[in-house]
Protein backbone atom coordinates (compact mmCIF):
# COMPACT_ATOMS: atom_id res chain seq x y z
CA UNK A 1 80.64 60.80 40.50
CA UNK A 2 82.64 59.86 37.56
CA UNK A 3 81.36 56.87 34.79
CA UNK A 4 84.78 55.23 35.22
CA UNK A 5 83.97 55.26 39.40
CA UNK A 6 80.21 54.29 39.14
CA UNK A 7 82.12 51.59 36.84
CA UNK A 8 84.66 50.10 39.35
CA UNK A 9 82.24 50.47 42.14
CA UNK A 10 79.37 48.04 39.48
CA UNK A 11 82.26 45.56 38.83
CA UNK A 12 83.27 44.94 42.50
CA UNK A 13 79.55 44.82 43.13
CA UNK A 14 79.22 41.99 40.92
CA UNK A 15 83.06 40.44 42.04
CA UNK A 16 81.10 40.18 45.14
CA UNK A 17 82.57 43.15 47.10
CA UNK A 18 78.32 44.24 48.29
CA UNK A 19 80.15 47.06 49.74
CA UNK A 20 80.64 48.95 46.94
CA UNK A 21 77.21 49.50 46.62
CA UNK A 22 76.90 51.09 49.84
CA UNK A 23 78.80 53.82 47.60
CA UNK A 24 76.25 53.94 44.56
CA UNK A 25 73.33 53.87 47.42
CA UNK A 26 75.07 56.99 48.93
CA UNK A 27 75.25 58.93 45.95
CA UNK A 28 71.37 57.36 44.09
CA UNK A 29 69.50 57.58 47.21
CA UNK A 30 68.37 61.47 47.55
CA UNK A 31 68.24 61.55 43.09
CA UNK A 32 65.65 58.49 43.70
CA UNK A 33 63.94 59.78 46.86
CA UNK A 34 63.16 63.02 45.08
CA UNK A 35 61.96 61.25 41.40
CA UNK A 36 59.39 59.08 43.32
CA UNK A 37 57.89 61.80 45.53
CA UNK A 38 57.37 64.02 42.62
CA UNK A 39 55.33 60.75 41.50
CA UNK A 40 53.98 60.03 44.99
CA UNK A 41 53.57 62.93 46.82
CA UNK A 42 53.61 60.71 50.14
CA UNK A 43 56.75 60.76 52.26
CA UNK A 44 56.34 57.39 53.74
CA UNK A 45 55.75 55.76 50.05
CA UNK A 46 58.37 57.75 48.88
CA UNK A 47 60.95 56.67 51.40
CA UNK A 48 59.30 52.69 50.85
CA UNK A 49 59.75 52.48 47.01
CA UNK A 50 63.12 54.27 47.22
CA UNK A 51 64.41 51.39 50.00
CA UNK A 52 62.57 48.90 47.70
CA UNK A 53 64.58 49.96 44.81
CA UNK A 54 67.65 49.74 46.07
CA UNK A 55 66.95 46.61 47.39
CA UNK A 56 66.30 45.42 43.70
CA UNK A 57 69.28 46.86 42.32
CA UNK A 58 70.85 45.15 45.06
CA UNK A 59 69.81 41.63 44.54
CA UNK A 60 70.17 42.33 40.28
CA UNK A 61 73.59 44.14 40.33
CA UNK A 62 75.13 40.37 39.16
CA UNK A 63 73.01 40.06 36.30
CA UNK A 64 73.17 43.36 34.60
CA UNK A 65 74.88 44.11 31.56
CA UNK A 66 76.30 47.97 32.21
CA UNK A 67 78.51 47.98 28.74
CA UNK A 68 75.32 49.61 26.87
CA UNK A 69 73.36 51.42 30.15
CA UNK A 70 74.35 53.52 32.90
CA UNK A 71 73.67 52.47 36.22
CA UNK A 72 72.02 56.05 36.63
CA UNK A 73 69.02 54.49 34.17
CA UNK A 74 69.08 51.40 34.96
CA UNK A 75 67.83 52.62 39.01
CA UNK A 76 65.56 55.37 37.44
CA UNK A 77 64.17 52.09 35.38
CA UNK A 78 63.51 50.47 38.57
CA UNK A 79 62.20 52.96 40.74
CA UNK A 80 59.57 53.89 37.33
CA UNK A 81 58.62 50.49 37.18
CA UNK A 82 57.80 50.36 40.80
CA UNK A 83 55.97 53.51 41.08
CA UNK A 84 54.04 51.97 37.84
CA UNK A 85 53.33 48.63 40.46
CA UNK A 86 52.56 51.06 42.93
CA UNK A 87 49.35 52.72 41.20
CA UNK A 88 48.14 49.73 40.04
CA UNK A 89 47.83 47.69 43.49
CA UNK A 90 45.17 48.72 45.93
CA UNK A 91 45.79 52.05 48.01
CA UNK A 92 45.97 51.07 51.71
CA UNK A 93 44.24 53.29 54.19
CA UNK A 94 47.01 55.56 56.23
CA UNK A 95 46.45 56.82 59.54
CA UNK A 96 45.65 60.72 59.47
CA UNK A 97 48.72 61.53 61.64
CA UNK A 98 51.00 59.80 58.90
CA UNK A 99 49.33 61.38 55.94
CA UNK A 100 49.88 64.84 57.43
CA UNK A 101 53.43 64.02 58.42
CA UNK A 102 53.42 66.96 61.31
CA UNK A 103 56.93 66.78 62.27
CA UNK A 104 58.53 69.41 65.28
CA UNK A 105 61.36 69.79 62.86
CA UNK A 106 59.75 71.03 60.11
CA UNK A 107 57.84 75.03 59.33
CA UNK A 108 54.43 74.10 58.19
CA UNK A 109 54.34 77.16 56.67
CA UNK A 110 57.23 76.44 54.37
CA UNK A 111 55.68 72.71 53.58
CA UNK A 112 52.00 74.32 52.89
CA UNK A 113 53.58 76.76 50.82
CA UNK A 114 55.22 74.36 49.16
CA UNK A 115 52.65 71.92 48.29
CA UNK A 116 50.56 75.18 46.94
CA UNK A 117 53.49 75.10 44.54
CA UNK A 118 53.66 71.88 43.50
CA UNK A 119 49.73 71.69 43.16
CA UNK A 120 50.13 74.91 40.87
CA UNK A 121 52.70 73.07 39.01
CA UNK A 122 50.62 69.42 38.75
CA UNK A 123 47.37 72.07 37.58
CA UNK A 124 49.30 74.17 35.01
CA UNK A 125 50.71 70.25 33.53
CA UNK A 126 47.51 68.99 32.91
CA UNK A 127 47.51 70.52 29.35
CA UNK A 128 50.33 67.57 28.39
CA UNK A 129 49.70 64.53 27.62
CA UNK A 130 50.75 61.50 30.29
CA UNK A 131 53.96 60.75 28.40
CA UNK A 132 54.82 64.28 27.91
CA UNK A 133 54.99 65.44 31.65
CA UNK A 134 56.96 62.40 32.67
CA UNK A 135 59.56 63.29 30.40
CA UNK A 136 59.64 67.50 31.75
CA UNK A 137 59.66 65.83 35.05
CA UNK A 138 62.70 63.85 34.41
CA UNK A 139 64.51 66.05 32.38
CA UNK A 140 63.82 69.14 34.75
CA UNK A 141 63.08 68.17 38.30
CA UNK A 142 65.30 64.88 38.26
CA UNK A 143 68.18 66.25 35.82
CA UNK A 144 68.23 63.59 33.32
CA UNK A 145 69.76 63.10 30.41
CA UNK A 146 68.13 62.90 27.45
CA UNK A 147 69.63 59.24 26.85
CA UNK A 148 69.16 58.20 30.35
CA UNK A 149 65.24 58.74 29.59
CA UNK A 150 65.15 57.19 26.61
CA UNK A 151 66.47 54.09 28.69
CA UNK A 152 63.79 54.75 31.28
CA UNK A 153 60.85 55.49 28.84
CA UNK A 154 62.18 53.11 25.62
CA UNK A 155 61.52 55.91 23.53
CA UNK A 156 64.28 56.73 21.19
CA UNK A 157 66.46 59.72 22.79
CA UNK A 158 66.08 61.89 19.60
CA UNK A 159 62.09 61.38 20.68
CA UNK A 160 62.81 61.77 24.10
CA UNK A 161 64.08 65.15 22.57
CA UNK A 162 60.84 66.00 20.48
CA UNK A 163 58.55 65.29 23.46
CA UNK A 164 59.95 67.64 25.79
CA UNK A 165 60.21 70.59 22.87
CA UNK A 166 56.65 70.30 21.85
CA UNK A 167 55.59 70.24 25.63
CA UNK A 168 57.33 73.46 26.74
CA UNK A 169 55.80 74.94 23.57
CA UNK A 170 52.47 73.36 24.12
CA UNK A 171 53.20 75.19 28.39
CA UNK A 172 54.12 78.40 26.78
CA UNK A 173 50.79 78.63 24.08
CA UNK A 174 48.18 76.97 27.23
CA UNK A 175 49.43 78.59 30.53
CA UNK A 176 47.49 81.93 32.21
CA UNK A 177 50.59 84.41 32.74
CA UNK A 178 50.88 82.87 36.41
CA UNK A 179 51.84 79.52 35.51
CA UNK A 180 53.68 80.37 32.98
CA UNK A 181 55.83 82.42 35.67
CA UNK A 182 56.40 79.88 38.07
CA UNK A 183 57.40 77.70 35.59
CA UNK A 184 59.72 79.94 34.09
CA UNK A 185 61.43 80.56 37.56
CA UNK A 186 61.56 76.69 37.95
CA UNK A 187 62.95 76.34 34.89
CA UNK A 188 60.69 74.33 33.18
CA UNK A 189 60.49 76.60 30.01
CA UNK A 190 64.34 76.55 29.74
CA UNK A 191 65.72 74.31 27.49
């Protein structure tokens, strides 16, 4: 979606044509879901937080000013804040079936392999500060620009670039070879 098309849809929404919001929703839903899922590692929670993100966005789109910020960074910031709120709130107990999320449609071996890789990556990234991890995840997995990361984190665009560069250097210096190979294969160590 071009920035002009996005801006046009936003203006339509702000002028009362909320049907235009569905196009923004369709375009960003998978991206926001992945953004949330990488941080909560639970399907239903990620779905709930993604839904809440778009509900908040829909309610606030009338009063939002997009002259200096783009919709992408704005909606990611909403999701980011919801994730923070989620971790601050009390955790509720969940049923074992929901945690395992064993669906007949899914290949259990693929899911286990994927979860092992995610765990390896999480372990490898423990050498980074929380700020560095956030920037690396937003840049690599969420494929956000430095400008968008800047708007979400509140840091300058240049600072986000420096944080990312230092994080990559730290990963290169501190990782055992098996983590380094895995992270390089996943494009984390490529600027």
